[in-house]
Amino acid sequence: MGYYVIKKSEKTTAQPYYFLLKAGNHETIATSEMYSSKDAAKKGIASIQKNGSTEDIRDETL
């Protein structure tokens, strides 16, 4: 089962927080945008958990 990891950039920036979505084998499968606070990153995770379950695949390479 996958999991999320909240990270803080080592660079000085107004939006230092982001999260990674990791697979059960610990490989990174997605990286979020940058957030201004840890709470905002947690809200981003909650949004993906709520809205991210879909089986719809759209191939735009055709």
Protein backbone atom coordinates (compact mmCIF):
# COMPACT_ATOMS: atom_id res chain seq x y z
CA MET A 1 0.00 0.00 0.00
CA GLY A 2 1.25 3.48 -0.84
CA TYR A 3 1.88 6.37 1.52
CA TYR A 4 2.66 10.09 1.59
CA VAL A 5 5.82 11.79 2.85
CA ILE A 6 5.85 15.50 3.71
CA LYS A 7 9.20 17.16 3.02
CA LYS A 8 10.71 20.61 3.47
CA SER A 9 13.03 22.06 0.86
CA GLU A 10 16.55 22.86 1.97
CA LYS A 11 16.38 26.07 -0.09
CA THR A 12 15.09 29.29 1.44
CA THR A 13 11.79 29.91 -0.30
CA ALA A 14 8.31 31.25 0.46
CA GLN A 15 6.85 27.81 -0.31
CA PRO A 16 9.20 25.23 1.18
CA TYR A 17 6.82 22.30 1.81
CA TYR A 18 5.87 19.53 -0.59
CA PHE A 19 4.88 15.90 -0.45
CA LEU A 20 5.78 12.69 -2.22
CA LEU A 21 3.44 9.83 -3.01
CA LYS A 22 5.36 6.61 -2.47
CA ALA A 23 4.46 3.12 -3.67
CA GLY A 24 4.47 0.14 -1.34
CA ASN A 25 8.02 -0.64 -2.48
CA HIS A 26 9.06 2.91 -1.38
CA GLU A 27 9.56 4.26 -4.91
CA THR A 28 8.36 7.83 -5.53
CA ILE A 29 5.45 7.82 -7.96
CA ALA A 30 4.38 11.48 -7.67
CA THR A 31 5.72 14.79 -6.36
CA SER A 32 3.42 17.63 -5.36
CA GLU A 33 3.62 21.32 -6.04
CA MET A 34 5.24 23.50 -3.37
CA TYR A 35 3.20 24.77 -0.41
CA SER A 36 3.68 27.68 1.99
CA SER A 37 2.98 25.61 5.12
CA LYS A 38 2.94 22.05 6.34
CA ASP A 39 -0.81 22.39 6.93
CA ALA A 40 -1.33 23.41 3.29
CA ALA A 41 0.63 20.32 2.17
CA LYS A 42 -1.60 18.15 4.36
CA LYS A 43 -4.66 19.74 2.73
CA GLY A 44 -3.17 18.91 -0.67
CA ILE A 45 -2.82 15.27 0.40
CA ALA A 46 -6.43 15.25 1.66
CA SER A 47 -7.61 16.63 -1.68
CA ILE A 48 -5.86 13.87 -3.60
CA GLN A 49 -7.22 11.23 -1.26
CA LYS A 50 -10.75 12.58 -1.76
CA ASN A 51 -10.63 13.31 -5.50
CA GLY A 52 -7.91 11.05 -6.82
CA SER A 53 -9.56 7.67 -7.11
CA THR A 54 -10.45 7.17 -10.76
CA GLU A 55 -10.06 4.49 -13.37
CA ASP A 56 -10.31 7.01 -16.22
CA ILE A 57 -7.13 6.98 -18.32
CA ARG A 58 -6.77 9.55 -21.09
CA ASP A 59 -4.05 9.01 -23.66
CA GLU A 60 -3.25 12.28 -25.38
CA THR A 61 -0.25 10.95 -27.30
CA LEU A 62 -2.38 9.88 -30.28
